[in-house]
């Protein structure tokens, strides 16, 4: 049996190495693709939660709700013009 030439062995090793690297790259691509999908889903979930929080904040900070809380829970009344006192500071330098 004739000994194979070093060039032939080198070509075989290069082919096998490239085949292995191609397979490994495909595996890594699938892993990264699934990770991107998970992160995109997580981002969508956070955006939905953010929208809900913003909506709740808008409801909780509405002037009508605050007025109802002030009147019902705290017993406060709207200020009447007769009870209003205005103070004007004319030309006084305040440091």
PDB file of N, CA and C in Angstrom:
ATOM      1  N   UNK A   1       0.841  -1.166   0.000  1.00  0.00           N
ATOM      2  CA  UNK A   1       0.000   0.000   0.000  1.00  0.00           C
ATOM      3  C   UNK A   1       0.885   1.227   0.000  1.00  0.00           C
ATOM      4  N   UNK A   2       0.548   2.122  -0.837  1.00  0.00           N
ATOM      5  CA  UNK A   2       1.363   3.305  -1.019  1.00  0.00           C
ATOM      6  C   UNK A   2       1.000   4.347   0.037  1.00  0.00           C
ATOM      7  N   UNK A   3       2.004   5.010   0.596  1.00  0.00           N
ATOM      8  CA  UNK A   3       1.811   6.050   1.601  1.00  0.00           C
ATOM      9  C   UNK A   3       1.183   7.270   0.956  1.00  0.00           C
ATOM     10  N   UNK A   4       0.162   7.803   1.574  1.00  0.00           N
ATOM     11  CA  UNK A   4      -0.539   8.966   1.027  1.00  0.00           C
ATOM     12  C   UNK A   4       0.361  10.192   1.095  1.00  0.00           C
ATOM     13  N   UNK A   5       0.175  11.061   0.140  1.00  0.00           N
ATOM     14  CA  UNK A   5       1.002  12.271   0.124  1.00  0.00           C
ATOM     15  C   UNK A   5       0.520  13.238   1.206  1.00  0.00           C
ATOM     16  N   UNK A   6       1.430  14.038   1.753  1.00  0.00           N
ATOM     17  CA  UNK A   6       1.061  14.996   2.806  1.00  0.00           C
ATOM     18  C   UNK A   6       0.015  16.007   2.317  1.00  0.00           C
ATOM     19  N   UNK A   7       0.043  16.341   1.047  1.00  0.00           N
ATOM     20  CA  UNK A   7      -0.933  17.292   0.512  1.00  0.00           C
ATOM     21  C   UNK A   7      -2.343  16.707   0.561  1.00  0.00           C
ATOM     22  N   UNK A   8      -2.472  15.426   0.218  1.00  0.00           N
ATOM     23  CA  UNK A   8      -3.771  14.757   0.245  1.00  0.00           C
ATOM     24  C   UNK A   8      -4.313  14.708   1.683  1.00  0.00           C
ATOM     25  N   UNK A   9      -3.447  14.400   2.636  1.00  0.00           N
ATOM     26  CA  UNK A   9      -3.853  14.341   4.052  1.00  0.00           C
ATOM     27  C   UNK A   9      -4.248  15.731   4.537  1.00  0.00           C
ATOM     28  N   UNK A  10      -3.504  16.744   4.115  1.00  0.00           N
ATOM     29  CA  UNK A  10      -3.810  18.122   4.501  1.00  0.00           C
ATOM     30  C   UNK A  10      -5.162  18.558   3.945  1.00  0.00           C
ATOM     31  N   UNK A  11      -5.455  18.170   2.721  1.00  0.00           N
ATOM     32  CA  UNK A  11      -6.745  18.514   2.108  1.00  0.00           C
ATOM     33  C   UNK A  11      -7.884  17.828   2.863  1.00  0.00           C
ATOM     34  N   UNK A  12      -7.710  16.570   3.217  1.00  0.00           N
ATOM     35  CA  UNK A  12      -8.726  15.831   3.964  1.00  0.00           C
ATOM     36  C   UNK A  12      -8.965  16.487   5.330  1.00  0.00           C
ATOM     37  N   UNK A  13      -7.871  16.831   6.030  1.00  0.00           N
ATOM     38  CA  UNK A  13      -8.002  17.480   7.344  1.00  0.00           C
ATOM     39  C   UNK A  13      -8.673  18.847   7.223  1.00  0.00           C
ATOM     40  N   UNK A  14      -8.327  19.607   6.191  1.00  0.00           N
ATOM     41  CA  UNK A  14      -8.952  20.912   5.979  1.00  0.00           C
ATOM     42  C   UNK A  14     -10.443  20.757   5.710  1.00  0.00           C
ATOM     43  N   UNK A  15     -10.810  19.773   4.900  1.00  0.00           N
ATOM     44  CA  UNK A  15     -12.223  19.534   4.595  1.00  0.00           C
ATOM     45  C   UNK A  15     -12.996  19.159   5.860  1.00  0.00           C
ATOM     46  N   UNK A  16     -12.424  18.252   6.654  1.00  0.00           N
ATOM     47  CA  UNK A  16     -13.097  17.848   7.892  1.00  0.00           C
ATOM     48  C   UNK A  16     -13.202  19.014   8.879  1.00  0.00           C
ATOM     49  N   UNK A  17     -12.156  19.823   8.961  1.00  0.00           N
ATOM     50  CA  UNK A  17     -12.187  20.991   9.847  1.00  0.00           C
ATOM     51  C   UNK A  17     -13.264  21.978   9.416  1.00  0.00           C
ATOM     52  N   UNK A  18     -13.338  22.253   8.115  1.00  0.00           N
ATOM     53  CA  UNK A  18     -14.360  23.178   7.616  1.00  0.00           C
ATOM     54  C   UNK A  18     -15.766  22.623   7.824  1.00  0.00           C
ATOM     55  N   UNK A  19     -15.926  21.315   7.655  1.00  0.00           N
ATOM     56  CA  UNK A  19     -17.227  20.694   7.895  1.00  0.00           C
ATOM     57  C   UNK A  19     -17.630  20.842   9.361  1.00  0.00           C
ATOM     58  N   UNK A  20     -16.672  20.583  10.269  1.00  0.00           N
ATOM     59  CA  UNK A  20     -16.942  20.729  11.695  1.00  0.00           C
ATOM     60  C   UNK A  20     -17.277  22.175  12.043  1.00  0.00           C
ATOM     61  N   UNK A  21     -16.505  23.135  11.531  1.00  0.00           N
ATOM     62  CA  UNK A  21     -16.754  24.552  11.812  1.00  0.00           C
ATOM     63  C   UNK A  21     -18.109  24.998  11.274  1.00  0.00           C
ATOM     64  N   UNK A  22     -18.488  24.504  10.107  1.00  0.00           N
ATOM     65  CA  UNK A  22     -19.790  24.857   9.539  1.00  0.00           C
ATOM     66  C   UNK A  22     -20.927  24.322  10.424  1.00  0.00           C
ATOM     67  N   UNK A  23     -20.783  23.105  10.902  1.00  0.00           N
ATOM     68  CA  UNK A  23     -21.790  22.511  11.787  1.00  0.00           C
ATOM     69  C   UNK A  23     -21.866  23.286  13.098  1.00  0.00           C
ATOM     70  N   UNK A  24     -20.723  23.604  13.651  1.00  0.00           N
ATOM     71  CA  UNK A  24     -20.675  24.347  14.915  1.00  0.00           C
ATOM     72  C   UNK A  24     -21.289  25.735  14.738  1.00  0.00           C
ATOM     73  N   UNK A  25     -21.000  26.388  13.620  1.00  0.00           N
ATOM     74  CA  UNK A  25     -21.553  27.714  13.355  1.00  0.00           C
ATOM     75  C   UNK A  25     -23.088  27.639  13.235  1.00  0.00           C
ATOM     76  N   UNK A  26     -23.598  26.613  12.609  1.00  0.00           N
ATOM     77  CA  UNK A  26     -25.046  26.427  12.509  1.00  0.00           C
ATOM     78  C   UNK A  26     -25.683  26.240  13.876  1.00  0.00           C
ATOM     79  N   UNK A  27     -25.020  25.472  14.724  1.00  0.00           N
ATOM     80  CA  UNK A  27     -25.506  25.266  16.082  1.00  0.00           C
ATOM     81  C   UNK A  27     -25.526  26.576  16.851  1.00  0.00           C
ATOM     82  N   UNK A  28     -24.454  27.348  16.768  1.00  0.00           N
ATOM     83  CA  UNK A  28     -24.385  28.657  17.447  1.00  0.00           C
ATOM     84  C   UNK A  28     -25.457  29.603  16.919  1.00  0.00           C
ATOM     85  N   UNK A  29     -25.677  29.581  15.617  1.00  0.00           N
ATOM     86  CA  UNK A  29     -26.700  30.444  15.015  1.00  0.00           C
ATOM     87  C   UNK A  29     -28.077  30.120  15.593  1.00  0.00           C
ATOM     88  N   UNK A  30     -28.399  28.833  15.712  1.00  0.00           N
ATOM     89  CA  UNK A  30     -29.696  28.432  16.277  1.00  0.00           C
ATOM     90  C   UNK A  30     -29.827  28.875  17.729  1.00  0.00           C
ATOM     91  N   UNK A  31     -28.762  28.737  18.491  1.00  0.00           N
ATOM     92  CA  UNK A  31     -28.779  29.190  19.883  1.00  0.00           C
ATOM     93  C   UNK A  31     -29.020  30.687  19.981  1.00  0.00           C
ATOM     94  N   UNK A  32     -28.290  31.453  19.173  1.00  0.00           N
ATOM     95  CA  UNK A  32     -28.438  32.907  19.205  1.00  0.00           C
ATOM     96  C   UNK A  32     -29.812  33.344  18.721  1.00  0.00           C
ATOM     97  N   UNK A  33     -30.330  32.655  17.727  1.00  0.00           N
ATOM     98  CA  UNK A  33     -31.658  32.986  17.215  1.00  0.00           C
ATOM     99  C   UNK A  33     -32.722  32.754  18.290  1.00  0.00           C
ATOM    100  N   UNK A  34     -32.639  31.659  19.007  1.00  0.00           N
ATOM    101  CA  UNK A  34     -33.618  31.397  20.063  1.00  0.00           C
ATOM    102  C   UNK A  34     -33.458  32.388  21.214  1.00  0.00           C
ATOM    103  N   UNK A  35     -32.225  32.786  21.492  1.00  0.00           N
ATOM    104  CA  UNK A  35     -32.000  33.789  22.540  1.00  0.00           C
ATOM    105  C   UNK A  35     -32.591  35.136  22.130  1.00  0.00           C
ATOM    106  N   UNK A  36     -32.424  35.526  20.888  1.00  0.00           N
ATOM    107  CA  UNK A  36     -33.000  36.786  20.393  1.00  0.00           C
ATOM    108  C   UNK A  36     -34.523  36.736  20.495  1.00  0.00           C
ATOM    109  N   UNK A  37     -35.119  35.608  20.151  1.00  0.00           N
ATOM    110  CA  UNK A  37     -36.572  35.471  20.252  1.00  0.00           C
ATOM    111  C   UNK A  37     -37.040  35.611  21.698  1.00  0.00           C
ATOM    112  N   UNK A  38     -36.304  35.001  22.635  1.00  0.00           N
ATOM    113  CA  UNK A  38     -36.659  35.128  24.050  1.00  0.00           C
ATOM    114  C   UNK A  38     -36.552  36.582  24.508  1.00  0.00           C
ATOM    115  N   UNK A  39     -35.484  37.257  24.099  1.00  0.00           N
ATOM    116  CA  UNK A  39     -35.305  38.652  24.502  1.00  0.00           C
ATOM    117  C   UNK A  39     -36.366  39.560  23.879  1.00  0.00           C
ATOM    118  N   UNK A  40     -36.753  39.287  22.638  1.00  0.00           N
ATOM    119  CA  UNK A  40     -37.817  40.073  22.006  1.00  0.00           C
ATOM    120  C   UNK A  40     -39.139  39.869  22.737  1.00  0.00           C
ATOM    121  N   UNK A  41     -39.416  38.642  23.145  1.00  0.00           N
ATOM    122  CA  UNK A  41     -40.648  38.371  23.893  1.00  0.00           C
ATOM    123  C   UNK A  41     -40.611  39.069  25.250  1.00  0.00           C
ATOM    124  N   UNK A  42     -39.452  39.042  25.893  1.00  0.00           N
ATOM    125  CA  UNK A  42     -39.307  39.728  27.178  1.00  0.00           C
ATOM    126  C   UNK A  42     -39.503  41.232  27.004  1.00  0.00           C
ATOM    127  N   UNK A  43     -38.970  41.776  25.923  1.00  0.00           N
ATOM    128  CA  UNK A  43     -39.138  43.201  25.642  1.00  0.00           C
ATOM    129  C   UNK A  43     -40.623  43.539  25.434  1.00  0.00           C
ATOM    130  N   UNK A  44     -41.335  42.694  24.706  1.00  0.00           N
ATOM    131  CA  UNK A  44     -42.772  42.920  24.502  1.00  0.00           C
ATOM    132  C   UNK A  44     -43.514  42.893  25.830  1.00  0.00           C
ATOM    133  N   UNK A  45     -43.152  41.946  26.695  1.00  0.00           N
ATOM    134  CA  UNK A  45     -43.793  41.870  28.013  1.00  0.00           C
ATOM    135  C   UNK A  45     -43.543  43.134  28.823  1.00  0.00           C
ATOM    136  N   UNK A  46     -42.309  43.623  28.803  1.00  0.00           N
ATOM    137  CA  UNK A  46     -41.986  44.853  29.542  1.00  0.00           C
ATOM    138  C   UNK A  46     -42.736  46.057  28.969  1.00  0.00           C
ATOM    139  N   UNK A  47     -42.862  46.113  27.646  1.00  0.00           N
ATOM    140  CA  UNK A  47     -43.601  47.219  27.034  1.00  0.00           C
ATOM    141  C   UNK A  47     -45.070  47.186  27.443  1.00  0.00           C
ATOM    142  N   UNK A  48     -45.660  45.992  27.490  1.00  0.00           N
ATOM    143  CA  UNK A  48     -47.055  45.865  27.920  1.00  0.00           C
ATOM    144  C   UNK A  48     -47.215  46.285  29.377  1.00  0.00           C
ATOM    145  N   UNK A  49     -46.290  45.839  30.232  1.00  0.00           N
ATOM    146  CA  UNK A  49     -46.343  46.243  31.638  1.00  0.00           C
ATOM    147  C   UNK A  49     -46.197  47.755  31.766  1.00  0.00           C
ATOM    148  N   UNK A  50     -45.307  48.327  30.975  1.00  0.00           N
ATOM    149  CA  UNK A  50     -45.086  49.769  31.007  1.00  0.00           C
ATOM    150  C   UNK A  50     -46.354  50.519  30.599  1.00  0.00           C
ATOM    151  N   UNK A  51     -47.030  50.035  29.554  1.00  0.00           N
ATOM    152  CA  UNK A  51     -48.277  50.666  29.127  1.00  0.00           C
ATOM    153  C   UNK A  51     -49.325  50.611  30.232  1.00  0.00           C
ATOM    154  N   UNK A  52     -49.414  49.476  30.911  1.00  0.00           N
ATOM    155  CA  UNK A  52     -50.387  49.338  31.993  1.00  0.00           C
ATOM    156  C   UNK A  52     -50.068  50.278  33.148  1.00  0.00           C
ATOM    157  N   UNK A  53     -48.795  50.409  33.475  1.00  0.00           N
ATOM    158  CA  UNK A  53     -48.397  51.305  34.567  1.00  0.00           C
ATOM    159  C   UNK A  53     -48.704  52.754  34.195  1.00  0.00           C
ATOM    160  N   UNK A  54     -48.429  53.141  32.967  1.00  0.00           N
ATOM    161  CA  UNK A  54     -48.710  54.506  32.528  1.00  0.00           C
ATOM    162  C   UNK A  54     -50.209  54.781  32.573  1.00  0.00           C
ATOM    163  N   UNK A  55     -51.014  53.804  32.134  1.00  0.00           N
ATOM    164  CA  UNK A  55     -52.464  53.972  32.181  1.00  0.00           C
ATOM    165  C   UNK A  55     -52.948  54.096  33.625  1.00  0.00           C
ATOM    166  N   UNK A  56     -52.419  53.261  34.511  1.00  0.00           N
ATOM    167  CA  UNK A  56     -52.805  53.332  35.919  1.00  0.00           C
ATOM    168  C   UNK A  56     -52.392  54.655  36.533  1.00  0.00           C
ATOM    169  N   UNK A  57     -51.234  55.135  36.179  1.00  0.00           N
ATOM    170  CA  UNK A  57     -50.761  56.422  36.684  1.00  0.00           C
ATOM    171  C   UNK A  57     -51.667  57.549  36.222  1.00  0.00           C
ATOM    172  N   UNK A  58     -52.093  57.491  34.971  1.00  0.00           N
ATOM    173  CA  UNK A  58     -52.995  58.524  34.453  1.00  0.00           C
ATOM    174  C   UNK A  58     -54.322  58.510  35.205  1.00  0.00           C
ATOM    175  N   UNK A  59     -54.815  57.324  35.511  1.00  0.00           N
ATOM    176  CA  UNK A  59     -56.086  57.227  36.241  1.00  0.00           C
ATOM    177  C   UNK A  59     -55.914  57.718  37.676  1.00  0.00           C
ATOM    178  N   UNK A  60     -54.836  57.269  38.322  1.00  0.00           N
ATOM    179  CA  UNK A  60     -54.638  57.632  39.726  1.00  0.00           C
ATOM    180  C   UNK A  60     -54.321  59.106  39.931  1.00  0.00           C
ATOM    181  N   UNK A  61     -53.738  59.753  38.953  1.00  0.00           N
ATOM    182  CA  UNK A  61     -53.365  61.160  39.130  1.00  0.00           C
ATOM    183  C   UNK A  61     -54.352  62.115  38.466  1.00  0.00           C
ATOM    184  N   UNK A  62     -55.505  61.627  38.073  1.00  0.00           N
ATOM    185  CA  UNK A  62     -56.479  62.512  37.433  1.00  0.00           C
ATOM    186  C   UNK A  62     -57.012  63.511  38.458  1.00  0.00           C
ATOM    187  N   UNK A  63     -57.244  64.747  38.047  1.00  0.00           N
ATOM    188  CA  UNK A  63     -57.746  65.773  38.969  1.00  0.00           C
ATOM    189  C   UNK A  63     -59.082  65.387  39.613  1.00  0.00           C
ATOM    190  N   UNK A  64     -59.934  64.727  38.847  1.00  0.00           N
ATOM    191  CA  UNK A  64     -61.239  64.322  39.387  1.00  0.00           C
ATOM    192  C   UNK A  64     -61.066  63.326  40.543  1.00  0.00           C
ATOM    193  N   UNK A  65     -60.166  62.378  40.388  1.00  0.00           N
ATOM    194  CA  UNK A  65     -59.933  61.389  41.449  1.00  0.00           C
ATOM    195  C   UNK A  65     -59.325  62.052  42.677  1.00  0.00           C
ATOM    196  N   UNK A  66     -58.399  62.957  42.466  1.00  0.00           N
ATOM    197  CA  UNK A  66     -57.754  63.633  43.589  1.00  0.00           C
ATOM    198  C   UNK A  66     -58.767  64.490  44.335  1.00  0.00           C
ATOM    199  N   UNK A  67     -59.651  65.149  43.591  1.00  0.00           N
ATOM    200  CA  UNK A  67     -60.688  65.967  44.229  1.00  0.00           C
ATOM    201  C   UNK A  67     -61.617  65.080  45.071  1.00  0.00           C
ATOM    202  N   UNK A  68     -62.006  63.930  44.520  1.00  0.00           N
ATOM    203  CA  UNK A  68     -62.875  63.006  45.251  1.00  0.00           C
ATOM    204  C   UNK A  68     -62.188  62.515  46.523  1.00  0.00           C
ATOM    205  N   UNK A  69     -60.923  62.160  46.425  1.00  0.00           N
ATOM    206  CA  UNK A  69     -60.179  61.721  47.609  1.00  0.00           C
ATOM    207  C   UNK A  69     -60.073  62.838  48.641  1.00  0.00           C
ATOM    208  N   UNK A  70     -59.796  64.041  48.191  1.00  0.00           N
ATOM    209  CA  UNK A  70     -59.654  65.171  49.118  1.00  0.00           C
ATOM    210  C   UNK A  70     -60.967  65.446  49.844  1.00  0.00           C
ATOM    211  N   UNK A  71     -62.064  65.395  49.124  1.00  0.00           N
ATOM    212  CA  UNK A  71     -63.354  65.698  49.735  1.00  0.00           C
ATOM    213  C   UNK A  71     -63.857  64.544  50.606  1.00  0.00           C
ATOM    214  N   UNK A  72     -63.796  63.322  50.082  1.00  0.00           N
ATOM    215  CA  UNK A  72     -64.377  62.182  50.803  1.00  0.00           C
ATOM    216  C   UNK A  72     -63.464  61.655  51.906  1.00  0.00           C
ATOM    217  N   UNK A  73     -62.220  61.421  51.601  1.00  0.00           N
ATOM    218  CA  UNK A  73     -61.315  60.794  52.576  1.00  0.00           C
ATOM    219  C   UNK A  73     -60.744  61.786  53.576  1.00  0.00           C
ATOM    220  N   UNK A  74     -60.396  62.969  53.104  1.00  0.00           N
ATOM    221  CA  UNK A  74     -59.732  63.938  53.979  1.00  0.00           C
ATOM    222  C   UNK A  74     -60.664  65.018  54.507  1.00  0.00           C
ATOM    223  N   UNK A  75     -61.867  65.088  53.971  1.00  0.00           N
ATOM    224  CA  UNK A  75     -62.832  66.093  54.433  1.00  0.00           C
ATOM    225  C   UNK A  75     -62.483  67.507  54.009  1.00  0.00           C
ATOM    226  N   UNK A  76     -61.708  67.663  52.964  1.00  0.00           N
ATOM    227  CA  UNK A  76     -61.335  68.997  52.490  1.00  0.00           C
ATOM    228  C   UNK A  76     -62.442  69.562  51.612  1.00  0.00           C
ATOM    229  N   UNK A  77     -62.502  70.882  51.555  1.00  0.00           N
ATOM    230  CA  UNK A  77     -63.486  71.560  50.717  1.00  0.00           C
ATOM    231  C   UNK A  77     -62.759  72.461  49.733  1.00  0.00           C
ATOM    232  N   UNK A  78     -63.391  72.747  48.600  1.00  0.00           N
ATOM    233  CA  UNK A  78     -62.774  73.692  47.672  1.00  0.00           C
ATOM    234  C   UNK A  78     -62.652  75.071  48.316  1.00  0.00           C
ATOM    235  N   UNK A  79     -61.614  75.780  47.967  1.00  0.00           N
ATOM    236  CA  UNK A  79     -61.367  77.105  48.521  1.00  0.00           C
ATOM    237  C   UNK A  79     -62.352  78.102  47.924  1.00  0.00           C
ATOM    238  N   UNK A  80     -62.974  78.895  48.789  1.00  0.00           N
ATOM    239  CA  UNK A  80     -63.914  79.919  48.339  1.00  0.00           C
ATOM    240  C   UNK A  80     -63.154  81.226  48.153  1.00  0.00           C
ATOM    241  N   UNK A  81     -63.631  82.027  47.222  1.00  0.00           N
ATOM    242  CA  UNK A  81     -62.961  83.293  46.918  1.00  0.00           C
ATOM    243  C   UNK A  81     -62.917  84.207  48.131  1.00  0.00           C
ATOM    244  N   UNK A  82     -63.914  84.130  49.004  1.00  0.00           N
ATOM    245  CA  UNK A  82     -63.950  84.991  50.190  1.00  0.00           C
ATOM    246  C   UNK A  82     -62.837  84.626  51.172  1.00  0.00           C
ATOM    247  N   UNK A  83     -62.392  83.404  51.159  1.00  0.00           N
ATOM    248  CA  UNK A  83     -61.349  82.953  52.080  1.00  0.00           C
ATOM    249  C   UNK A  83     -59.939  83.095  51.506  1.00  0.00           C
ATOM    250  N   UNK A  84     -59.854  83.615  50.308  1.00  0.00           N
ATOM    251  CA  UNK A  84     -58.570  83.721  49.619  1.00  0.00           C
ATOM    252  C   UNK A  84     -57.872  85.024  49.987  1.00  0.00           C
ATOM    253  N   UNK A  85     -56.632  84.924  50.365  1.00  0.00           N
ATOM    254  CA  UNK A  85     -55.829  86.101  50.689  1.00  0.00           C
ATOM    255  C   UNK A  85     -54.622  86.097  49.761  1.00  0.00           C
ATOM    256  N   UNK A  86     -54.418  87.214  49.085  1.00  0.00           N
ATOM    257  CA  UNK A  86     -53.257  87.338  48.209  1.00  0.00           C
ATOM    258  C   UNK A  86     -52.247  88.265  48.850  1.00  0.00           C
ATOM    259  N   UNK A  87     -51.006  87.865  48.784  1.00  0.00           N
ATOM    260  CA  UNK A  87     -49.912  88.669  49.315  1.00  0.00           C
ATOM    261  C   UNK A  87     -48.997  89.009  48.165  1.00  0.00           C
ATOM    262  N   UNK A  88     -48.764  90.312  48.004  1.00  0.00           N
ATOM    263  CA  UNK A  88     -47.867  90.757  46.948  1.00  0.00           C
ATOM    264  C   UNK A  88     -46.623  91.335  47.563  1.00  0.00           C
ATOM    265  N   UNK A  89     -45.495  90.937  47.057  1.00  0.00           N
ATOM    266  CA  UNK A  89     -44.218  91.470  47.515  1.00  0.00           C
ATOM    267  C   UNK A  89     -43.753  92.444  46.452  1.00  0.00           C
ATOM    268  N   UNK A  90     -43.827  93.708  46.762  1.00  0.00           N
ATOM    269  CA  UNK A  90     -43.455  94.710  45.761  1.00  0.00           C
ATOM    270  C   UNK A  90     -42.040  95.199  45.963  1.00  0.00           C
ATOM    271  N   UNK A  91     -41.180  94.856  45.018  1.00  0.00           N
ATOM    272  CA  UNK A  91     -39.819  95.389  44.967  1.00  0.00           C
ATOM    273  C   UNK A  91     -38.898  94.921  46.069  1.00  0.00           C
ATOM    274  N   UNK A  92     -39.253  94.002  46.862  1.00  0.00           N
ATOM    275  CA  UNK A  92     -38.372  93.539  47.938  1.00  0.00           C
ATOM    276  C   UNK A  92     -37.371  92.547  47.364  1.00  0.00           C
ATOM    277  N   UNK A  93     -36.095  92.760  47.712  1.00  0.00           N
ATOM    278  CA  UNK A  93     -35.056  91.823  47.290  1.00  0.00           C
ATOM    279  C   UNK A  93     -34.957  90.685  48.282  1.00  0.00           C
ATOM    280  N   UNK A  94     -35.156  89.498  47.770  1.00  0.00           N
ATOM    281  CA  UNK A  94     -35.072  88.327  48.637  1.00  0.00           C
ATOM    282  C   UNK A  94     -33.848  87.528  48.225  1.00  0.00           C
ATOM    283  N   UNK A  95     -32.969  87.283  49.162  1.00  0.00           N
ATOM    284  CA  UNK A  95     -31.743  86.510  48.875  1.00  0.00           C
ATOM    285  C   UNK A  95     -31.890  85.105  49.325  1.00  0.00           C
TER     286      UNK A  95
END
